[in-house]
Amino acid sequence: MTDPLRFAVFWGVWLLVPVLIDGLTTLFSLVGVFWARLRKPVPPETFYFPHISVIVPVYNSADTLGDCLRSIAAQDYPLDRIEVLVINNGSTDHSFEVFTEIQQTLTLNVHWHSIYNKGKAWALNAGIHICQGEYIFNVDSDVVLSPEAFSEVVKTMDADPDLGAVTGAIMVLPPVRGASLLQRILGYCEFYEYMAAFLVGREHQTLVHNLYTLSGAFSVFRREVLLQTFLYSQETVTEDTDLTFELYARFKDKRIGAVSRAIAYVHPIESVGALYAQRVRWQRGQLEVSARYPALMNRPMWQVSGFNPGRVLAIDHTLAFPRLVWTFLIPVLAIFGYSLSLIFMSTVLTYIFYMLIDILWVVVALYYANQLARQRLAYTWWVIPLLPLYRIIVFWFRFSGFLHAIAETGTWRVSDPWVQVKAGGQDVWQRLAQAWRRFRQRG
């Protein structure tokens, strides 16, 4: 291969592919969000406050339940129009004592119910069957809601009768005082990831009627819509995505969207192992749900608007392909005669390209973010150059979830990656030892 041709092939594959795939995808999303924001009318103020039900599933939530219930009591929505159902499914800690204290100190219509079946899906379904509200809010017990969360959701859904269900915007709280440097880096990266995903990504999905998941941390349903489904399923580890798919499959005249002004804050991930377990579960759940709804998956890829999970998965895996190739291609390029300086320069340029994409996402997300999120930029900006590395690590964790979905049964609990590596090493060592013993016995 001549030098000019080699140069053209190298730079074409190395940089043109990410520009065409990631760059254009980013451009379409950001332009779509800007356009949607410009033409979206502001929902009118509501003077009618329907009765709403808030279901909070609890499993060993003593450390977080108090803050969650206090944030519900601090809503600017009339408290006499809110009922809160705390559904305990097998807690063995002091969650009930926390609930009792809240019940005695706050003016909140809150009730405790215990069920025998364990699992978040069972708890949510039990609450749905006994609640009375016109709107049903599902709120995780480790969530802290912004004061206007309920009123923003009700205002938006009242103004749009075709909106059958919505998800709020999930944001990440700052790391706790005394967190290690690694924990702070993970928490800040997660903060920017979620902010871009919900203030830009979910907004664009809402615009094209293609919102993939109603977040299990904070979702809201019209009562008459939710009760026409099979509710939350135990057949998958991502019951929130499964219910989202069922809504699309069952209702042709209802839409699903995101309300970015209704914010639910979640605690940052505490370790690399916890991040790994979370993303493995999400990825395998995505594949499990896809297999349960073949009719949705078989929708034509050229269909631009409307829910098209097949296209979402295709784009998602197409974006992942360059990262998969580059990981293994870097050490091999030198064998084909490429200089180390060229390899290093192209790697740096590619990383800078992805960093610029992340900066663009952050800028657009911050433009629509509240004042609290903007203030966090002052002491978290230094982590932005690490976002491409964080996303590559997350990609490999998701790829592991794909392998888990093929090889193992579904579970909420996933071993730490370092534990898995250690166990794999021990298994290899034991097999080698057994082979050596058999060799010596034959000799």
Protein backbone atom coordinates (compact mmCIF):
# COMPACT_ATOMS: atom_id res chain seq x y z
CA MET A 1 0.00 0.00 0.00
CA THR A 2 1.45 3.39 -0.99
CA ASP A 3 2.09 6.01 1.68
CA PRO A 4 -0.69 8.44 0.55
CA LEU A 5 -3.22 5.62 0.36
CA ARG A 6 -2.13 4.27 3.74
CA PHE A 7 -2.45 7.77 5.20
CA ALA A 8 -5.94 8.23 3.72
CA VAL A 9 -7.16 4.83 4.93
CA PHE A 10 -5.77 5.37 8.40
CA TRP A 11 -7.28 8.79 8.96
CA GLY A 12 -10.49 7.85 7.22
CA VAL A 13 -11.13 4.89 9.48
CA TRP A 14 -9.72 6.44 12.61
CA LEU A 15 -11.37 9.85 12.53
CA LEU A 16 -13.99 9.98 9.76
CA VAL A 17 -16.07 7.15 11.23
CA PRO A 18 -16.48 8.79 14.67
CA VAL A 19 -17.17 12.16 13.03
CA LEU A 20 -19.91 10.70 10.82
CA ILE A 21 -21.49 8.52 13.50
CA ASP A 22 -21.02 10.26 16.84
CA GLY A 23 -20.75 13.77 15.41
CA LEU A 24 -23.90 13.66 13.30
CA THR A 25 -25.87 11.89 16.03
CA THR A 26 -24.89 14.62 18.47
CA LEU A 27 -25.75 17.35 15.95
CA PHE A 28 -29.23 15.96 15.25
CA SER A 29 -29.98 15.60 18.97
CA LEU A 30 -28.84 19.09 19.92
CA VAL A 31 -30.54 20.83 16.99
CA GLY A 32 -33.72 18.88 17.70
CA VAL A 33 -33.71 19.91 21.35
CA PHE A 34 -33.15 23.59 20.50
CA TRP A 35 -35.99 23.48 17.98
CA ALA A 36 -38.32 21.74 20.41
CA ARG A 37 -37.56 24.26 23.15
CA LEU A 38 -38.25 27.19 20.84
CA ARG A 39 -41.63 25.93 19.69
CA LYS A 40 -42.80 24.22 22.90
CA PRO A 41 -45.51 26.28 24.66
CA VAL A 42 -45.16 26.84 28.39
CA PRO A 43 -47.89 24.86 30.20
CA PRO A 44 -50.45 27.18 31.80
CA GLU A 45 -50.67 27.47 35.55
CA THR A 46 -53.13 24.99 36.98
CA PHE A 47 -55.89 25.92 39.37
CA TYR A 48 -57.16 22.35 39.66
CA PHE A 49 -55.13 20.01 41.82
CA PRO A 50 -56.15 16.39 41.21
CA HIS A 51 -55.68 13.79 43.88
CA ILE A 52 -52.34 12.03 43.33
CA SER A 53 -50.84 8.83 44.76
CA VAL A 54 -47.13 8.40 45.44
CA ILE A 55 -45.83 4.82 45.70
CA VAL A 56 -42.47 4.39 47.43
CA PRO A 57 -41.11 0.80 47.37
CA VAL A 58 -38.86 0.09 50.34
CA TYR A 59 -36.21 -2.54 50.91
CA ASN A 60 -33.68 -1.79 53.67
CA SER A 61 -33.97 1.94 53.01
CA ALA A 62 -33.41 3.30 56.52
CA ASP A 63 -30.55 5.55 55.38
CA THR A 64 -32.51 7.27 52.59
CA LEU A 65 -36.24 6.94 53.29
CA GLY A 66 -36.38 9.93 55.64
CA ASP A 67 -34.94 12.36 53.08
CA CYS A 68 -37.25 10.97 50.41
CA LEU A 69 -40.42 11.47 52.48
CA ARG A 70 -39.31 14.91 53.66
CA SER A 71 -38.84 15.99 50.03
CA ILE A 72 -42.40 14.83 49.30
CA ALA A 73 -43.69 16.82 52.28
CA ALA A 74 -41.81 19.89 50.95
CA GLN A 75 -43.63 19.89 47.60
CA ASP A 76 -45.40 23.08 46.53
CA TYR A 77 -48.36 20.87 45.59
CA PRO A 78 -51.22 20.88 48.16
CA LEU A 79 -50.38 18.15 50.68
CA ASP A 80 -54.04 17.37 51.29
CA ARG A 81 -54.22 16.20 47.65
CA ILE A 82 -51.34 13.72 48.07
CA GLU A 83 -51.43 10.18 49.47
CA VAL A 84 -48.14 8.38 50.01
CA LEU A 85 -47.98 4.58 50.11
CA VAL A 86 -44.72 3.16 51.46
CA ILE A 87 -44.63 -0.49 50.36
CA ASN A 88 -42.20 -2.59 52.36
CA ASN A 89 -41.05 -5.82 50.67
CA GLY A 90 -38.90 -7.66 53.17
CA SER A 91 -36.81 -4.99 54.90
CA THR A 92 -34.69 -6.19 57.81
CA ASP A 93 -33.26 -2.82 58.90
CA HIS A 94 -34.87 0.15 60.69
CA SER A 95 -36.91 1.43 57.77
CA PHE A 96 -40.17 1.18 59.73
CA GLU A 97 -38.75 3.24 62.61
CA VAL A 98 -37.75 5.94 60.12
CA PHE A 99 -41.25 5.87 58.64
CA THR A 100 -42.83 6.16 62.11
CA GLU A 101 -40.73 9.20 62.95
CA ILE A 102 -41.68 10.88 59.68
CA GLN A 103 -45.34 10.08 60.19
CA GLN A 104 -45.29 11.72 63.62
CA THR A 105 -43.34 14.84 62.68
CA LEU A 106 -44.62 15.78 59.22
CA THR A 107 -48.05 16.79 57.99
CA LEU A 108 -48.21 14.12 55.32
CA ASN A 109 -50.85 11.53 54.45
CA VAL A 110 -48.45 8.59 54.48
CA HIS A 111 -49.20 4.88 55.04
CA TRP A 112 -47.02 1.80 55.55
CA HIS A 113 -47.88 -1.52 53.87
CA SER A 114 -45.89 -4.75 53.99
CA ILE A 115 -46.05 -7.53 51.42
CA TYR A 116 -44.66 -11.06 51.51
CA ASN A 117 -43.25 -11.19 47.99
CA LYS A 118 -39.83 -9.61 47.60
CA GLY A 119 -38.89 -7.49 44.66
CA LYS A 120 -39.46 -3.93 43.48
CA ALA A 121 -42.01 -4.98 40.84
CA TRP A 122 -44.15 -6.72 43.47
CA ALA A 123 -44.04 -3.65 45.73
CA LEU A 124 -44.99 -1.24 42.95
CA ASN A 125 -47.84 -3.44 41.75
CA ALA A 126 -49.21 -3.78 45.28
CA GLY A 127 -49.23 0.00 45.67
CA ILE A 128 -50.90 0.49 42.30
CA HIS A 129 -53.74 -1.86 43.28
CA ILE A 130 -54.58 0.03 46.49
CA CYS A 131 -53.90 3.65 45.54
CA GLN A 132 -56.71 6.09 44.72
CA GLY A 133 -55.09 9.00 42.88
CA GLU A 134 -55.83 10.23 39.36
CA TYR A 135 -52.09 10.31 38.74
CA ILE A 136 -49.81 7.58 40.06
CA PHE A 137 -46.26 8.61 40.95
CA ASN A 138 -43.60 5.92 41.40
CA VAL A 139 -40.70 7.24 43.45
CA ASP A 140 -37.66 5.27 44.62
CA SER A 141 -36.90 5.41 48.33
CA ASP A 142 -33.39 6.81 47.72
CA VAL A 143 -34.68 9.77 45.68
CA VAL A 144 -34.91 13.40 46.80
CA LEU A 145 -37.41 15.44 44.80
CA SER A 146 -37.21 19.10 43.86
CA PRO A 147 -40.02 21.15 45.49
CA GLU A 148 -41.80 21.78 42.18
CA ALA A 149 -41.57 18.20 40.85
CA PHE A 150 -45.21 17.21 41.42
CA SER A 151 -46.74 20.47 40.25
CA GLU A 152 -44.63 20.53 37.06
CA VAL A 153 -45.73 17.00 36.15
CA VAL A 154 -49.42 17.63 36.83
CA LYS A 155 -49.33 20.95 34.98
CA THR A 156 -47.72 19.34 31.93
CA MET A 157 -50.02 16.30 31.83
CA ASP A 158 -53.17 18.35 32.44
CA ALA A 159 -52.27 20.55 29.47
CA ASP A 160 -51.78 17.51 27.21
CA PRO A 161 -54.51 14.84 27.57
CA ASP A 162 -52.70 12.55 25.11
CA LEU A 163 -49.69 12.30 27.39
CA GLY A 164 -50.21 8.94 29.09
CA ALA A 165 -47.02 8.70 31.15
CA VAL A 166 -43.90 10.75 31.80
CA THR A 167 -40.52 10.46 33.43
CA GLY A 168 -38.93 13.21 35.46
CA ALA A 169 -35.35 14.38 35.04
CA ILE A 170 -32.95 12.30 37.11
CA MET A 171 -30.00 14.28 38.49
CA VAL A 172 -27.11 13.17 40.68
CA LEU A 173 -26.45 14.60 44.14
CA PRO A 174 -22.91 15.70 45.08
CA PRO A 175 -20.68 13.04 46.69
CA VAL A 176 -20.82 12.92 50.47
CA ARG A 177 -18.28 14.81 52.54
CA GLY A 178 -15.16 12.71 52.96
CA ALA A 179 -15.60 10.81 49.69
CA SER A 180 -12.38 9.56 48.11
CA LEU A 181 -10.96 11.08 44.93
CA LEU A 182 -12.19 8.09 42.91
CA GLN A 183 -15.68 8.41 44.36
CA ARG A 184 -15.75 12.12 43.55
CA ILE A 185 -14.59 11.51 39.97
CA LEU A 186 -17.26 8.83 39.48
CA GLY A 187 -19.94 11.05 41.04
CA TYR A 188 -19.05 14.08 38.93
CA CYS A 189 -18.87 12.04 35.71
CA GLU A 190 -22.24 10.52 36.53
CA PHE A 191 -23.63 14.00 37.22
CA TYR A 192 -22.67 15.22 33.73
CA GLU A 193 -23.81 11.96 32.13
CA TYR A 194 -27.29 12.15 33.68
CA MET A 195 -27.65 15.87 33.02
CA ALA A 196 -26.92 15.41 29.32
CA ALA A 197 -29.06 12.28 29.11
CA PHE A 198 -32.18 13.84 30.64
CA LEU A 199 -31.95 17.53 29.70
CA VAL A 200 -30.89 16.79 26.11
CA GLY A 201 -31.31 13.09 25.29
CA ARG A 202 -34.77 12.58 26.80
CA GLU A 203 -35.91 15.92 25.40
CA HIS A 204 -34.95 14.79 21.90
CA GLN A 205 -36.61 11.39 22.41
CA THR A 206 -39.79 13.15 23.51
CA LEU A 207 -39.68 15.33 20.39
CA VAL A 208 -39.57 12.32 18.05
CA HIS A 209 -41.93 10.22 20.25
CA ASN A 210 -39.18 7.68 20.90
CA LEU A 211 -38.54 7.80 24.66
CA TYR A 212 -37.00 4.45 25.49
CA THR A 213 -37.46 4.13 29.26
CA LEU A 214 -39.67 5.69 31.90
CA SER A 215 -37.11 5.92 34.68
CA GLY A 216 -37.88 3.66 37.60
CA ALA A 217 -36.57 6.31 40.00
CA PHE A 218 -39.35 8.79 39.16
CA SER A 219 -42.20 8.09 36.73
CA VAL A 220 -45.82 9.21 36.58
CA PHE A 221 -48.86 7.57 34.94
CA ARG A 222 -52.46 8.44 34.31
CA ARG A 223 -54.44 6.02 36.39
CA GLU A 224 -56.74 4.90 33.55
CA VAL A 225 -53.73 4.22 31.32
CA LEU A 226 -51.66 2.28 33.85
CA LEU A 227 -54.54 0.05 34.94
CA GLN A 228 -54.99 -1.19 31.35
CA THR A 229 -51.51 -2.76 31.39
CA PHE A 230 -50.11 -5.87 33.07
CA LEU A 231 -48.21 -3.48 35.39
CA TYR A 232 -44.59 -4.19 36.30
CA SER A 233 -43.17 -7.52 35.20
CA GLN A 234 -40.93 -9.90 37.14
CA GLU A 235 -39.65 -11.44 33.91
CA THR A 236 -36.84 -8.93 33.48
CA VAL A 237 -34.36 -7.06 35.67
CA THR A 238 -35.47 -3.72 34.14
CA GLU A 239 -39.18 -3.65 34.88
CA ASP A 240 -39.37 0.08 34.07
CA THR A 241 -38.24 -0.46 30.46
CA ASP A 242 -40.61 -3.43 30.12
CA LEU A 243 -43.61 -1.33 31.19
CA THR A 244 -42.55 1.43 28.79
CA PHE A 245 -42.53 -1.05 25.91
CA GLU A 246 -45.95 -2.37 26.92
CA LEU A 247 -47.41 1.14 26.89
CA TYR A 248 -46.14 1.64 23.34
CA ALA A 249 -47.48 -1.74 22.26
CA ARG A 250 -50.89 -1.26 23.87
CA PHE A 251 -51.73 2.39 23.21
CA LYS A 252 -51.63 3.96 19.77
CA ASP A 253 -53.31 7.21 20.84
CA LYS A 254 -51.18 8.00 23.90
CA ARG A 255 -47.71 9.47 24.05
CA ILE A 256 -44.85 9.09 26.51
CA GLY A 257 -42.52 11.94 27.35
CA ALA A 258 -40.13 13.59 29.76
CA VAL A 259 -40.70 16.59 32.03
CA SER A 260 -37.25 18.06 32.54
CA ARG A 261 -38.46 20.65 35.06
CA ALA A 262 -39.54 17.88 37.45
CA ILE A 263 -36.26 16.81 39.01
CA ALA A 264 -35.50 13.76 41.11
CA TYR A 265 -32.06 13.63 42.71
CA VAL A 266 -30.34 10.29 43.22
CA HIS A 267 -27.22 9.48 45.20
CA PRO A 268 -23.97 9.12 43.23
CA ILE A 269 -22.54 5.71 42.54
CA GLU A 270 -20.20 4.72 45.36
CA SER A 271 -17.66 2.50 43.60
CA VAL A 272 -16.50 1.11 40.27
CA GLY A 273 -18.02 -2.22 41.28
CA ALA A 274 -21.43 -0.62 41.88
CA LEU A 275 -21.22 1.18 38.52
CA TYR A 276 -20.37 -2.11 36.84
CA ALA A 277 -23.31 -3.93 38.48
CA GLN A 278 -25.70 -1.14 37.52
CA ARG A 279 -24.71 -1.00 33.85
CA VAL A 280 -24.60 -4.78 33.46
CA ARG A 281 -28.17 -4.96 34.78
CA TRP A 282 -29.35 -2.16 32.49
CA GLN A 283 -27.79 -3.71 29.40
CA ARG A 284 -29.06 -7.21 30.00
CA GLY A 285 -32.48 -5.79 30.84
CA GLN A 286 -32.49 -3.93 27.52
CA LEU A 287 -31.91 -7.19 25.67
CA GLU A 288 -34.44 -9.12 27.76
CA VAL A 289 -37.17 -6.57 27.12
CA SER A 290 -36.36 -6.43 23.40
CA ALA A 291 -36.89 -10.18 23.18
CA ARG A 292 -40.31 -9.85 24.87
CA TYR A 293 -41.68 -7.41 22.26
CA PRO A 294 -40.78 -8.71 18.77
CA ALA A 295 -43.54 -6.69 17.08
CA LEU A 296 -42.00 -3.44 18.31
CA MET A 297 -38.50 -4.58 17.37
CA ASN A 298 -39.63 -5.40 13.82
CA ARG A 299 -40.82 -1.90 13.02
CA PRO A 300 -39.11 -0.56 9.84
CA MET A 301 -35.75 1.08 10.48
CA TRP A 302 -36.54 3.99 8.13
CA GLN A 303 -39.43 5.10 10.36
CA VAL A 304 -38.13 8.46 11.61
CA SER A 305 -40.80 9.43 14.14
CA GLY A 306 -42.48 7.14 16.62
CA PHE A 307 -41.14 4.47 18.94
CA ASN A 308 -38.60 2.35 17.11
CA PRO A 309 -36.49 0.31 19.58
CA GLY A 310 -34.83 -1.62 16.77
CA ARG A 311 -33.36 1.59 15.38
CA VAL A 312 -32.33 2.70 18.87
CA LEU A 313 -30.43 -0.53 19.42
CA ALA A 314 -28.89 -0.40 15.95
CA ILE A 315 -27.60 3.14 16.47
CA ASP A 316 -26.48 2.31 20.00
CA HIS A 317 -24.44 -0.68 18.84
CA THR A 318 -23.14 1.20 15.78
CA LEU A 319 -21.80 3.90 18.08
CA ALA A 320 -20.22 1.20 20.23
CA PHE A 321 -18.51 -0.55 17.32
CA PRO A 322 -15.69 2.01 16.80
CA ARG A 323 -14.83 1.86 20.50
CA LEU A 324 -14.67 -1.92 20.34
CA VAL A 325 -12.42 -1.84 17.29
CA TRP A 326 -10.13 0.90 18.59
CA THR A 327 -9.49 -0.91 21.86
CA PHE A 328 -7.96 -3.88 20.07
CA LEU A 329 -6.62 -1.98 17.06
CA ILE A 330 -4.21 0.34 18.89
CA PRO A 331 -1.53 -2.28 19.74
CA VAL A 332 -1.89 -3.98 16.35
CA LEU A 333 -1.36 -0.90 14.17
CA ALA A 334 2.41 -0.89 14.76
CA ILE A 335 2.63 -4.39 13.27
CA PHE A 336 1.22 -3.04 9.99
CA GLY A 337 3.94 -0.45 9.71
CA TYR A 338 2.29 2.60 11.23
CA SER A 339 4.67 4.73 13.29
CA LEU A 340 4.14 5.05 17.01
CA SER A 341 4.04 8.84 16.66
CA LEU A 342 1.17 8.60 14.14
CA ILE A 343 -0.72 6.17 16.37
CA PHE A 344 -0.22 8.40 19.40
CA MET A 345 -1.25 11.56 17.54
CA SER A 346 -4.38 10.00 16.10
CA THR A 347 -5.36 8.61 19.50
CA VAL A 348 -4.96 12.03 21.10
CA LEU A 349 -6.96 13.71 18.31
CA THR A 350 -9.74 11.14 18.60
CA TYR A 351 -9.88 11.64 22.36
CA ILE A 352 -10.02 15.43 21.89
CA PHE A 353 -12.85 14.99 19.37
CA TYR A 354 -14.91 13.02 21.89
CA MET A 355 -14.06 15.50 24.62
CA LEU A 356 -15.41 18.31 22.43
CA ILE A 357 -18.61 16.32 21.88
CA ASP A 358 -19.00 15.92 25.65
CA ILE A 359 -18.36 19.64 26.17
CA LEU A 360 -21.08 20.44 23.63
CA TRP A 361 -23.55 18.15 25.41
CA VAL A 362 -22.67 19.74 28.76
CA VAL A 363 -23.05 23.30 27.43
CA VAL A 364 -26.49 22.60 25.97
CA ALA A 365 -27.59 20.72 29.09
CA LEU A 366 -26.41 23.52 31.39
CA TYR A 367 -28.28 26.06 29.27
CA TYR A 368 -31.52 24.33 30.28
CA ALA A 369 -30.41 23.29 33.78
CA ASN A 370 -31.47 24.96 37.00
CA GLN A 371 -29.24 27.30 38.98
CA LEU A 372 -28.06 24.54 41.31
CA ALA A 373 -26.66 22.48 38.44
CA ARG A 374 -24.91 25.52 36.97
CA GLN A 375 -23.28 26.29 40.30
CA ARG A 376 -21.80 22.80 40.43
CA LEU A 377 -19.82 23.56 37.27
CA ALA A 378 -17.57 25.86 39.32
CA TYR A 379 -16.00 22.97 41.24
CA THR A 380 -16.57 20.01 38.88
CA TRP A 381 -15.35 21.43 35.54
CA TRP A 382 -11.99 19.63 35.86
CA VAL A 383 -13.66 16.24 35.40
CA ILE A 384 -15.06 17.07 31.93
CA PRO A 385 -11.82 16.01 30.12
CA LEU A 386 -12.25 12.59 31.78
CA LEU A 387 -15.75 12.03 30.38
CA PRO A 388 -14.60 10.19 27.19
CA LEU A 389 -12.58 7.76 29.33
CA TYR A 390 -15.58 7.31 31.64
CA ARG A 391 -17.85 6.54 28.67
CA ILE A 392 -15.39 3.98 27.29
CA ILE A 393 -15.34 2.22 30.67
CA VAL A 394 -19.15 2.30 30.80
CA PHE A 395 -19.28 0.84 27.29
CA TRP A 396 -17.20 -2.16 28.35
CA PHE A 397 -19.37 -2.64 31.42
CA ARG A 398 -22.41 -2.66 29.12
CA PHE A 399 -20.71 -5.13 26.81
CA SER A 400 -20.26 -7.38 29.84
CA GLY A 401 -24.00 -7.07 30.41
CA PHE A 402 -24.57 -8.35 26.88
CA LEU A 403 -22.44 -11.41 27.68
CA HIS A 404 -24.28 -11.90 30.98
CA ALA A 405 -27.61 -11.87 29.14
CA ILE A 406 -26.39 -14.68 26.90
CA ALA A 407 -24.71 -16.84 29.53
CA GLU A 408 -26.59 -16.39 32.80
CA THR A 409 -30.08 -16.09 34.28
CA GLY A 410 -31.35 -12.63 35.20
CA THR A 411 -30.58 -11.22 38.64
CA TRP A 412 -30.42 -7.85 40.36
CA ARG A 413 -27.14 -8.80 42.07
CA VAL A 414 -23.98 -8.77 39.96
CA SER A 415 -20.50 -9.54 41.27
CA ASP A 416 -17.87 -6.82 41.40
CA PRO A 417 -15.68 -6.96 38.24
CA TRP A 418 -12.52 -7.33 40.32
CA VAL A 419 -14.10 -10.27 42.16
CA GLN A 420 -14.97 -11.83 38.80
CA VAL A 421 -11.41 -11.36 37.51
CA LYS A 422 -10.01 -12.92 40.69
CA ALA A 423 -12.44 -15.83 40.46
CA GLY A 424 -11.54 -16.33 36.79
CA GLY A 425 -7.84 -16.33 37.61
CA GLN A 426 -8.35 -18.86 40.37
CA ASP A 427 -10.36 -21.05 38.03
CA VAL A 428 -7.61 -20.93 35.38
CA TRP A 429 -4.97 -21.72 38.01
CA GLN A 430 -6.96 -24.69 39.31
CA ARG A 431 -7.44 -26.06 35.81
CA LEU A 432 -3.73 -25.73 35.07
CA ALA A 433 -2.88 -27.44 38.35
CA GLN A 434 -5.25 -30.30 37.56
CA ALA A 435 -3.79 -30.67 34.07
CA TRP A 436 -0.26 -30.75 35.52
CA ARG A 437 -1.19 -33.42 38.05
CA ARG A 438 -2.74 -35.58 35.33
CA PHE A 439 0.37 -35.08 33.19
CA ARG A 440 2.64 -36.20 36.02
CA GLN A 441 0.42 -39.20 36.80
CA ARG A 442 0.61 -40.36 33.17
CA GLY A 443 4.37 -39.82 33.17
